[in-house]
């Protein structure tokens, strides 16, 4: 399953990117593969991620992982703005 996730951030893109990349091992543990990430040309405070998931259950487990939750919080992710788009395969 593939999804596009977008969120707004308030700590800056470079900080978000550094913390996002530092969570690679944690994502791997849950079978989450990053296919792409970035932001619109004119808005570094809105980031998009294209992810491939083993299952939605694993994704939900990952979102409850304290390491991943801390990285998201430290990166300034505004969880209230999170949106998911499920891609048809």
PDB file of N, CA and C in Angstrom:
ATOM      1  N   UNK A   1       0.834  -1.161   0.000  1.00  0.00           N
ATOM      2  CA  UNK A   1       0.000   0.000   0.000  1.00  0.00           C
ATOM      3  C   UNK A   1       0.890   1.239   0.000  1.00  0.00           C
ATOM      4  N   UNK A   2       0.496   2.227  -0.788  1.00  0.00           N
ATOM      5  CA  UNK A   2       1.242   3.480  -0.855  1.00  0.00           C
ATOM      6  C   UNK A   2       0.339   4.634  -0.427  1.00  0.00           C
ATOM      7  N   UNK A   3       0.946   5.577   0.299  1.00  0.00           N
ATOM      8  CA  UNK A   3       0.196   6.748   0.738  1.00  0.00           C
ATOM      9  C   UNK A   3       1.026   8.006   0.533  1.00  0.00           C
ATOM     10  N   UNK A   4       0.326   9.117   0.439  1.00  0.00           N
ATOM     11  CA  UNK A   4       0.952  10.426   0.514  1.00  0.00           C
ATOM     12  C   UNK A   4       0.498  11.015   1.841  1.00  0.00           C
ATOM     13  N   UNK A   5       1.463  11.453   2.634  1.00  0.00           N
ATOM     14  CA  UNK A   5       1.154  12.092   3.905  1.00  0.00           C
ATOM     15  C   UNK A   5       1.641  13.521   3.818  1.00  0.00           C
ATOM     16  N   UNK A   6       0.828  14.458   4.267  1.00  0.00           N
ATOM     17  CA  UNK A   6       1.324  15.828   4.357  1.00  0.00           C
ATOM     18  C   UNK A   6       1.001  16.401   5.724  1.00  0.00           C
ATOM     19  N   UNK A   7       1.889  17.270   6.174  1.00  0.00           N
ATOM     20  CA  UNK A   7       1.742  17.945   7.462  1.00  0.00           C
ATOM     21  C   UNK A   7       2.356  19.328   7.363  1.00  0.00           C
ATOM     22  N   UNK A   8       1.945  20.170   8.270  1.00  0.00           N
ATOM     23  CA  UNK A   8       2.590  21.471   8.402  1.00  0.00           C
ATOM     24  C   UNK A   8       3.625  21.372   9.517  1.00  0.00           C
ATOM     25  N   UNK A   9       4.730  22.084   9.346  1.00  0.00           N
ATOM     26  CA  UNK A   9       5.796  22.083  10.345  1.00  0.00           C
ATOM     27  C   UNK A   9       6.057  23.520  10.782  1.00  0.00           C
ATOM     28  N   UNK A  10       6.584  23.658  12.007  1.00  0.00           N
ATOM     29  CA  UNK A  10       6.830  25.018  12.493  1.00  0.00           C
ATOM     30  C   UNK A  10       8.235  25.216  13.050  1.00  0.00           C
ATOM     31  N   UNK A  11       9.130  24.269  12.770  1.00  0.00           N
ATOM     32  CA  UNK A  11      10.515  24.399  13.239  1.00  0.00           C
ATOM     33  C   UNK A  11      11.495  24.545  12.074  1.00  0.00           C
ATOM     34  N   UNK A  12      10.994  24.666  10.861  1.00  0.00           N
ATOM     35  CA  UNK A  12      11.847  24.817   9.685  1.00  0.00           C
ATOM     36  C   UNK A  12      12.091  23.499   8.976  1.00  0.00           C
ATOM     37  N   UNK A  13      12.231  23.584   7.654  1.00  0.00           N
ATOM     38  CA  UNK A  13      12.365  22.387   6.824  1.00  0.00           C
ATOM     39  C   UNK A  13      13.657  21.626   7.110  1.00  0.00           C
ATOM     40  N   UNK A  14      14.770  22.309   7.256  1.00  0.00           N
ATOM     41  CA  UNK A  14      16.039  21.616   7.465  1.00  0.00           C
ATOM     42  C   UNK A  14      16.034  20.806   8.749  1.00  0.00           C
ATOM     43  N   UNK A  15      15.459  21.362   9.813  1.00  0.00           N
ATOM     44  CA  UNK A  15      15.362  20.616  11.066  1.00  0.00           C
ATOM     45  C   UNK A  15      14.446  19.415  10.886  1.00  0.00           C
ATOM     46  N   UNK A  16      13.307  19.627  10.224  1.00  0.00           N
ATOM     47  CA  UNK A  16      12.392  18.521   9.972  1.00  0.00           C
ATOM     48  C   UNK A  16      13.097  17.424   9.183  1.00  0.00           C
ATOM     49  N   UNK A  17      13.792  17.796   8.114  1.00  0.00           N
ATOM     50  CA  UNK A  17      14.457  16.814   7.253  1.00  0.00           C
ATOM     51  C   UNK A  17      15.485  16.002   8.041  1.00  0.00           C
ATOM     52  N   UNK A  18      16.280  16.670   8.849  1.00  0.00           N
ATOM     53  CA  UNK A  18      17.299  15.977   9.640  1.00  0.00           C
ATOM     54  C   UNK A  18      16.650  14.950  10.579  1.00  0.00           C
ATOM     55  N   UNK A  19      15.602  15.358  11.281  1.00  0.00           N
ATOM     56  CA  UNK A  19      14.943  14.441  12.205  1.00  0.00           C
ATOM     57  C   UNK A  19      14.162  13.362  11.467  1.00  0.00           C
ATOM     58  N   UNK A  20      13.575  13.694  10.329  1.00  0.00           N
ATOM     59  CA  UNK A  20      12.872  12.715   9.504  1.00  0.00           C
ATOM     60  C   UNK A  20      13.824  11.610   9.065  1.00  0.00           C
ATOM     61  N   UNK A  21      14.978  11.999   8.571  1.00  0.00           N
ATOM     62  CA  UNK A  21      15.956  11.011   8.108  1.00  0.00           C
ATOM     63  C   UNK A  21      16.531  10.197   9.259  1.00  0.00           C
ATOM     64  N   UNK A  22      16.615  10.784  10.442  1.00  0.00           N
ATOM     65  CA  UNK A  22      17.166  10.063  11.587  1.00  0.00           C
ATOM     66  C   UNK A  22      16.242   8.935  12.054  1.00  0.00           C
ATOM     67  N   UNK A  23      15.001   8.928  11.610  1.00  0.00           N
ATOM     68  CA  UNK A  23      14.043   7.893  12.017  1.00  0.00           C
ATOM     69  C   UNK A  23      13.959   6.743  11.017  1.00  0.00           C
ATOM     70  N   UNK A  24      14.898   6.657  10.079  1.00  0.00           N
ATOM     71  CA  UNK A  24      14.866   5.594   9.074  1.00  0.00           C
ATOM     72  C   UNK A  24      14.818   4.203   9.702  1.00  0.00           C
ATOM     73  N   UNK A  25      15.649   3.940  10.702  1.00  0.00           N
ATOM     74  CA  UNK A  25      15.692   2.614  11.332  1.00  0.00           C
ATOM     75  C   UNK A  25      14.368   2.285  12.005  1.00  0.00           C
ATOM     76  N   UNK A  26      13.774   3.276  12.656  1.00  0.00           N
ATOM     77  CA  UNK A  26      12.481   3.054  13.316  1.00  0.00           C
ATOM     78  C   UNK A  26      11.408   2.734  12.282  1.00  0.00           C
ATOM     79  N   UNK A  27      11.397   3.462  11.164  1.00  0.00           N
ATOM     80  CA  UNK A  27      10.406   3.180  10.111  1.00  0.00           C
ATOM     81  C   UNK A  27      10.613   1.787   9.537  1.00  0.00           C
ATOM     82  N   UNK A  28      11.868   1.410   9.337  1.00  0.00           N
ATOM     83  CA  UNK A  28      12.180   0.094   8.778  1.00  0.00           C
ATOM     84  C   UNK A  28      11.606  -1.018   9.658  1.00  0.00           C
ATOM     85  N   UNK A  29      11.662  -0.812  10.964  1.00  0.00           N
ATOM     86  CA  UNK A  29      11.132  -1.785  11.931  1.00  0.00           C
ATOM     87  C   UNK A  29       9.652  -2.068  11.679  1.00  0.00           C
ATOM     88  N   UNK A  30       8.939  -1.087  11.154  1.00  0.00           N
ATOM     89  CA  UNK A  30       7.504  -1.230  10.908  1.00  0.00           C
ATOM     90  C   UNK A  30       7.180  -1.454   9.428  1.00  0.00           C
ATOM     91  N   UNK A  31       8.184  -1.706   8.628  1.00  0.00           N
ATOM     92  CA  UNK A  31       7.946  -1.982   7.214  1.00  0.00           C
ATOM     93  C   UNK A  31       7.491  -0.771   6.430  1.00  0.00           C
ATOM     94  N   UNK A  32       7.961   0.409   6.829  1.00  0.00           N
ATOM     95  CA  UNK A  32       7.606   1.648   6.134  1.00  0.00           C
ATOM     96  C   UNK A  32       8.795   2.086   5.294  1.00  0.00           C
ATOM     97  N   UNK A  33       8.572   2.207   4.008  1.00  0.00           N
ATOM     98  CA  UNK A  33       9.631   2.613   3.077  1.00  0.00           C
ATOM     99  C   UNK A  33       9.315   4.006   2.540  1.00  0.00           C
ATOM    100  N   UNK A  34      10.286   4.910   2.629  1.00  0.00           N
ATOM    101  CA  UNK A  34      10.117   6.269   2.102  1.00  0.00           C
ATOM    102  C   UNK A  34      10.449   6.247   0.610  1.00  0.00           C
ATOM    103  N   UNK A  35       9.486   6.623  -0.208  1.00  0.00           N
ATOM    104  CA  UNK A  35       9.705   6.683  -1.653  1.00  0.00           C
ATOM    105  C   UNK A  35      10.112   8.084  -2.104  1.00  0.00           C
ATOM    106  N   UNK A  36       9.603   9.100  -1.412  1.00  0.00           N
ATOM    107  CA  UNK A  36       9.931  10.487  -1.750  1.00  0.00           C
ATOM    108  C   UNK A  36       9.450  11.387  -0.625  1.00  0.00           C
ATOM    109  N   UNK A  37      10.036  12.580  -0.558  1.00  0.00           N
ATOM    110  CA  UNK A  37       9.581  13.597   0.392  1.00  0.00           C
ATOM    111  C   UNK A  37      10.003  14.961  -0.136  1.00  0.00           C
ATOM    112  N   UNK A  38       9.327  15.991   0.336  1.00  0.00           N
ATOM    113  CA  UNK A  38       9.678  17.343  -0.090  1.00  0.00           C
ATOM    114  C   UNK A  38       8.608  18.331   0.322  1.00  0.00           C
ATOM    115  N   UNK A  39       8.709  19.528  -0.252  1.00  0.00           N
ATOM    116  CA  UNK A  39       7.770  20.603   0.064  1.00  0.00           C
ATOM    117  C   UNK A  39       7.480  21.390  -1.210  1.00  0.00           C
ATOM    118  N   UNK A  40       6.361  22.124  -1.230  1.00  0.00           N
ATOM    119  CA  UNK A  40       6.091  22.977  -2.386  1.00  0.00           C
ATOM    120  C   UNK A  40       7.191  24.036  -2.524  1.00  0.00           C
ATOM    121  N   UNK A  41       7.438  24.451  -3.733  1.00  0.00           N
ATOM    122  CA  UNK A  41       8.510  25.415  -4.014  1.00  0.00           C
ATOM    123  C   UNK A  41       8.376  26.685  -3.177  1.00  0.00           C
ATOM    124  N   UNK A  42       7.152  27.119  -2.948  1.00  0.00           N
ATOM    125  CA  UNK A  42       6.943  28.388  -2.261  1.00  0.00           C
ATOM    126  C   UNK A  42       6.502  28.242  -0.801  1.00  0.00           C
ATOM    127  N   UNK A  43       6.597  27.017  -0.238  1.00  0.00           N
ATOM    128  CA  UNK A  43       6.150  26.820   1.140  1.00  0.00           C
ATOM    129  C   UNK A  43       6.922  25.689   1.813  1.00  0.00           C
ATOM    130  N   UNK A  44       7.997  26.042   2.511  1.00  0.00           N
ATOM    131  CA  UNK A  44       8.804  25.034   3.190  1.00  0.00           C
ATOM    132  C   UNK A  44       8.159  24.563   4.489  1.00  0.00           C
ATOM    133  N   UNK A  45       7.027  25.124   4.866  1.00  0.00           N
ATOM    134  CA  UNK A  45       6.356  24.731   6.102  1.00  0.00           C
ATOM    135  C   UNK A  45       5.288  23.665   5.897  1.00  0.00           C
ATOM    136  N   UNK A  46       5.142  23.188   4.671  1.00  0.00           N
ATOM    137  CA  UNK A  46       4.209  22.097   4.378  1.00  0.00           C
ATOM    138  C   UNK A  46       5.015  20.999   3.689  1.00  0.00           C
ATOM    139  N   UNK A  47       5.117  19.853   4.350  1.00  0.00           N
ATOM    140  CA  UNK A  47       5.939  18.785   3.786  1.00  0.00           C
ATOM    141  C   UNK A  47       5.076  17.600   3.375  1.00  0.00           C
ATOM    142  N   UNK A  48       5.529  16.932   2.345  1.00  0.00           N
ATOM    143  CA  UNK A  48       4.858  15.765   1.795  1.00  0.00           C
ATOM    144  C   UNK A  48       5.804  14.582   1.861  1.00  0.00           C
ATOM    145  N   UNK A  49       5.233  13.416   2.140  1.00  0.00           N
ATOM    146  CA  UNK A  49       6.000  12.181   2.128  1.00  0.00           C
ATOM    147  C   UNK A  49       5.204  11.151   1.336  1.00  0.00           C
ATOM    148  N   UNK A  50       5.877  10.425   0.475  1.00  0.00           N
ATOM    149  CA  UNK A  50       5.260   9.298  -0.217  1.00  0.00           C
ATOM    150  C   UNK A  50       5.854   8.054   0.420  1.00  0.00           C
ATOM    151  N   UNK A  51       4.974   7.247   1.010  1.00  0.00           N
ATOM    152  CA  UNK A  51       5.423   6.092   1.779  1.00  0.00           C
ATOM    153  C   UNK A  51       4.802   4.812   1.231  1.00  0.00           C
ATOM    154  N   UNK A  52       5.569   3.742   1.317  1.00  0.00           N
ATOM    155  CA  UNK A  52       5.052   2.412   1.001  1.00  0.00           C
ATOM    156  C   UNK A  52       4.970   1.648   2.314  1.00  0.00           C
ATOM    157  N   UNK A  53       3.792   1.091   2.607  1.00  0.00           N
ATOM    158  CA  UNK A  53       3.535   0.440   3.878  1.00  0.00           C
ATOM    159  C   UNK A  53       3.255  -1.041   3.685  1.00  0.00           C
ATOM    160  N   UNK A  54       3.668  -1.827   4.671  1.00  0.00           N
ATOM    161  CA  UNK A  54       3.267  -3.241   4.673  1.00  0.00           C
ATOM    162  C   UNK A  54       1.773  -3.343   4.939  1.00  0.00           C
ATOM    163  N   UNK A  55       1.289  -2.535   5.901  1.00  0.00           N
ATOM    164  CA  UNK A  55      -0.133  -2.532   6.228  1.00  0.00           C
ATOM    165  C   UNK A  55      -0.453  -1.272   7.026  1.00  0.00           C
ATOM    166  N   UNK A  56      -1.723  -0.931   7.083  1.00  0.00           N
ATOM    167  CA  UNK A  56      -2.153   0.225   7.863  1.00  0.00           C
ATOM    168  C   UNK A  56      -1.976  -0.063   9.353  1.00  0.00           C
ATOM    169  N   UNK A  57      -2.114  -1.317   9.752  1.00  0.00           N
ATOM    170  CA  UNK A  57      -1.914  -1.679  11.151  1.00  0.00           C
ATOM    171  C   UNK A  57      -0.487  -1.373  11.596  1.00  0.00           C
ATOM    172  N   UNK A  58       0.487  -1.720  10.738  1.00  0.00           N
ATOM    173  CA  UNK A  58       1.893  -1.433  11.051  1.00  0.00           C
ATOM    174  C   UNK A  58       2.129   0.073  11.116  1.00  0.00           C
ATOM    175  N   UNK A  59       1.472   0.817  10.253  1.00  0.00           N
ATOM    176  CA  UNK A  59       1.607   2.271  10.260  1.00  0.00           C
ATOM    177  C   UNK A  59       1.064   2.836  11.566  1.00  0.00           C
ATOM    178  N   UNK A  60      -0.052   2.331  12.010  1.00  0.00           N
ATOM    179  CA  UNK A  60      -0.636   2.798  13.271  1.00  0.00           C
ATOM    180  C   UNK A  60       0.275   2.463  14.447  1.00  0.00           C
ATOM    181  N   UNK A  61       0.894   1.284  14.423  1.00  0.00           N
ATOM    182  CA  UNK A  61       1.865   0.926  15.458  1.00  0.00           C
ATOM    183  C   UNK A  61       3.034   1.909  15.450  1.00  0.00           C
ATOM    184  N   UNK A  62       3.514   2.235  14.255  1.00  0.00           N
ATOM    185  CA  UNK A  62       4.651   3.153  14.117  1.00  0.00           C
ATOM    186  C   UNK A  62       4.313   4.521  14.696  1.00  0.00           C
ATOM    187  N   UNK A  63       3.091   4.997  14.460  1.00  0.00           N
ATOM    188  CA  UNK A  63       2.703   6.311  14.956  1.00  0.00           C
ATOM    189  C   UNK A  63       2.634   6.348  16.483  1.00  0.00           C
ATOM    190  N   UNK A  64       2.539   5.181  17.110  1.00  0.00           N
ATOM    191  CA  UNK A  64       2.519   5.108  18.571  1.00  0.00           C
ATOM    192  C   UNK A  64       3.898   4.836  19.157  1.00  0.00           C
ATOM    193  N   UNK A  65       4.890   4.587  18.299  1.00  0.00           N
ATOM    194  CA  UNK A  65       6.258   4.321  18.764  1.00  0.00           C
ATOM    195  C   UNK A  65       6.825   5.605  19.376  1.00  0.00           C
ATOM    196  N   UNK A  66       7.314   5.555  20.625  1.00  0.00           N
ATOM    197  CA  UNK A  66       7.835   6.756  21.281  1.00  0.00           C
ATOM    198  C   UNK A  66       8.990   7.417  20.518  1.00  0.00           C
ATOM    199  N   UNK A  67       9.838   6.633  19.871  1.00  0.00           N
ATOM    200  CA  UNK A  67      10.967   7.203  19.115  1.00  0.00           C
ATOM    201  C   UNK A  67      10.468   8.027  17.929  1.00  0.00           C
ATOM    202  N   UNK A  68       9.512   7.481  17.207  1.00  0.00           N
ATOM    203  CA  UNK A  68       8.960   8.190  16.052  1.00  0.00           C
ATOM    204  C   UNK A  68       8.151   9.398  16.525  1.00  0.00           C
ATOM    205  N   UNK A  69       7.362   9.228  17.566  1.00  0.00           N
ATOM    206  CA  UNK A  69       6.569  10.346  18.094  1.00  0.00           C
ATOM    207  C   UNK A  69       7.473  11.490  18.544  1.00  0.00           C
ATOM    208  N   UNK A  70       8.574  11.166  19.218  1.00  0.00           N
ATOM    209  CA  UNK A  70       9.504  12.205  19.676  1.00  0.00           C
ATOM    210  C   UNK A  70      10.149  12.920  18.492  1.00  0.00           C
ATOM    211  N   UNK A  71      10.558  12.172  17.476  1.00  0.00           N
ATOM    212  CA  UNK A  71      11.170  12.795  16.295  1.00  0.00           C
ATOM    213  C   UNK A  71      10.183  13.748  15.632  1.00  0.00           C
ATOM    214  N   UNK A  72       8.923  13.351  15.533  1.00  0.00           N
ATOM    215  CA  UNK A  72       7.910  14.204  14.908  1.00  0.00           C
ATOM    216  C   UNK A  72       7.685  15.471  15.730  1.00  0.00           C
ATOM    217  N   UNK A  73       7.589  15.319  17.043  1.00  0.00           N
ATOM    218  CA  UNK A  73       7.405  16.470  17.925  1.00  0.00           C
ATOM    219  C   UNK A  73       8.611  17.396  17.870  1.00  0.00           C
ATOM    220  N   UNK A  74       9.807  16.826  17.963  1.00  0.00           N
ATOM    221  CA  UNK A  74      11.039  17.623  17.923  1.00  0.00           C
ATOM    222  C   UNK A  74      11.187  18.368  16.599  1.00  0.00           C
ATOM    223  N   UNK A  75      10.652  17.795  15.537  1.00  0.00           N
ATOM    224  CA  UNK A  75      10.759  18.412  14.210  1.00  0.00           C
ATOM    225  C   UNK A  75       9.704  19.487  13.992  1.00  0.00           C
ATOM    226  N   UNK A  76       8.835  19.693  14.972  1.00  0.00           N
ATOM    227  CA  UNK A  76       7.827  20.743  14.848  1.00  0.00           C
ATOM    228  C   UNK A  76       6.625  20.365  14.026  1.00  0.00           C
ATOM    229  N   UNK A  77       6.325  19.073  13.919  1.00  0.00           N
ATOM    230  CA  UNK A  77       5.170  18.629  13.144  1.00  0.00           C
ATOM    231  C   UNK A  77       3.887  19.019  13.882  1.00  0.00           C
ATOM    232  N   UNK A  78       2.992  19.685  13.181  1.00  0.00           N
ATOM    233  CA  UNK A  78       1.680  20.035  13.709  1.00  0.00           C
ATOM    234  C   UNK A  78       0.745  18.875  13.372  1.00  0.00           C
ATOM    235  N   UNK A  79       0.546  17.972  14.332  1.00  0.00           N
ATOM    236  CA  UNK A  79      -0.217  16.753  14.091  1.00  0.00           C
ATOM    237  C   UNK A  79      -1.659  17.028  13.687  1.00  0.00           C
ATOM    238  N   UNK A  80      -2.204  18.161  14.075  1.00  0.00           N
ATOM    239  CA  UNK A  80      -3.583  18.503  13.711  1.00  0.00           C
ATOM    240  C   UNK A  80      -3.749  18.738  12.211  1.00  0.00           C
ATOM    241  N   UNK A  81      -2.641  18.971  11.508  1.00  0.00           N
ATOM    242  CA  UNK A  81      -2.723  19.257  10.064  1.00  0.00           C
ATOM    243  C   UNK A  81      -2.460  18.030   9.203  1.00  0.00           C
ATOM    244  N   UNK A  82      -2.188  16.894   9.814  1.00  0.00           N
ATOM    245  CA  UNK A  82      -1.807  15.696   9.056  1.00  0.00           C
ATOM    246  C   UNK A  82      -2.945  15.216   8.177  1.00  0.00           C
ATOM    247  N   UNK A  83      -2.614  14.942   6.926  1.00  0.00           N
ATOM    248  CA  UNK A  83      -3.568  14.397   5.961  1.00  0.00           C
ATOM    249  C   UNK A  83      -2.933  13.195   5.281  1.00  0.00           C
ATOM    250  N   UNK A  84      -3.762  12.184   5.009  1.00  0.00           N
ATOM    251  CA  UNK A  84      -3.318  10.988   4.298  1.00  0.00           C
ATOM    252  C   UNK A  84      -4.116  10.835   3.026  1.00  0.00           C
ATOM    253  N   UNK A  85      -3.413  10.456   1.955  1.00  0.00           N
ATOM    254  CA  UNK A  85      -4.066  10.122   0.688  1.00  0.00           C
ATOM    255  C   UNK A  85      -3.633   8.708   0.339  1.00  0.00           C
ATOM    256  N   UNK A  86      -4.593   7.814   0.205  1.00  0.00           N
ATOM    257  CA  UNK A  86      -4.301   6.427  -0.144  1.00  0.00           C
ATOM    258  C   UNK A  86      -4.246   6.310  -1.659  1.00  0.00           C
ATOM    259  N   UNK A  87      -3.160   5.786  -2.155  1.00  0.00           N
ATOM    260  CA  UNK A  87      -2.963   5.680  -3.591  1.00  0.00           C
ATOM    261  C   UNK A  87      -3.452   4.324  -4.101  1.00  0.00           C
ATOM    262  N   UNK A  88      -4.087   4.336  -5.253  1.00  0.00           N
ATOM    263  CA  UNK A  88      -4.567   3.109  -5.884  1.00  0.00           C
ATOM    264  C   UNK A  88      -3.391   2.434  -6.560  1.00  0.00           C
ATOM    265  N   UNK A  89      -3.302   1.145  -6.354  1.00  0.00           N
ATOM    266  CA  UNK A  89      -2.188   0.400  -6.977  1.00  0.00           C
ATOM    267  C   UNK A  89      -2.673  -0.397  -8.148  1.00  0.00           C
TER     268      UNK A  89
END
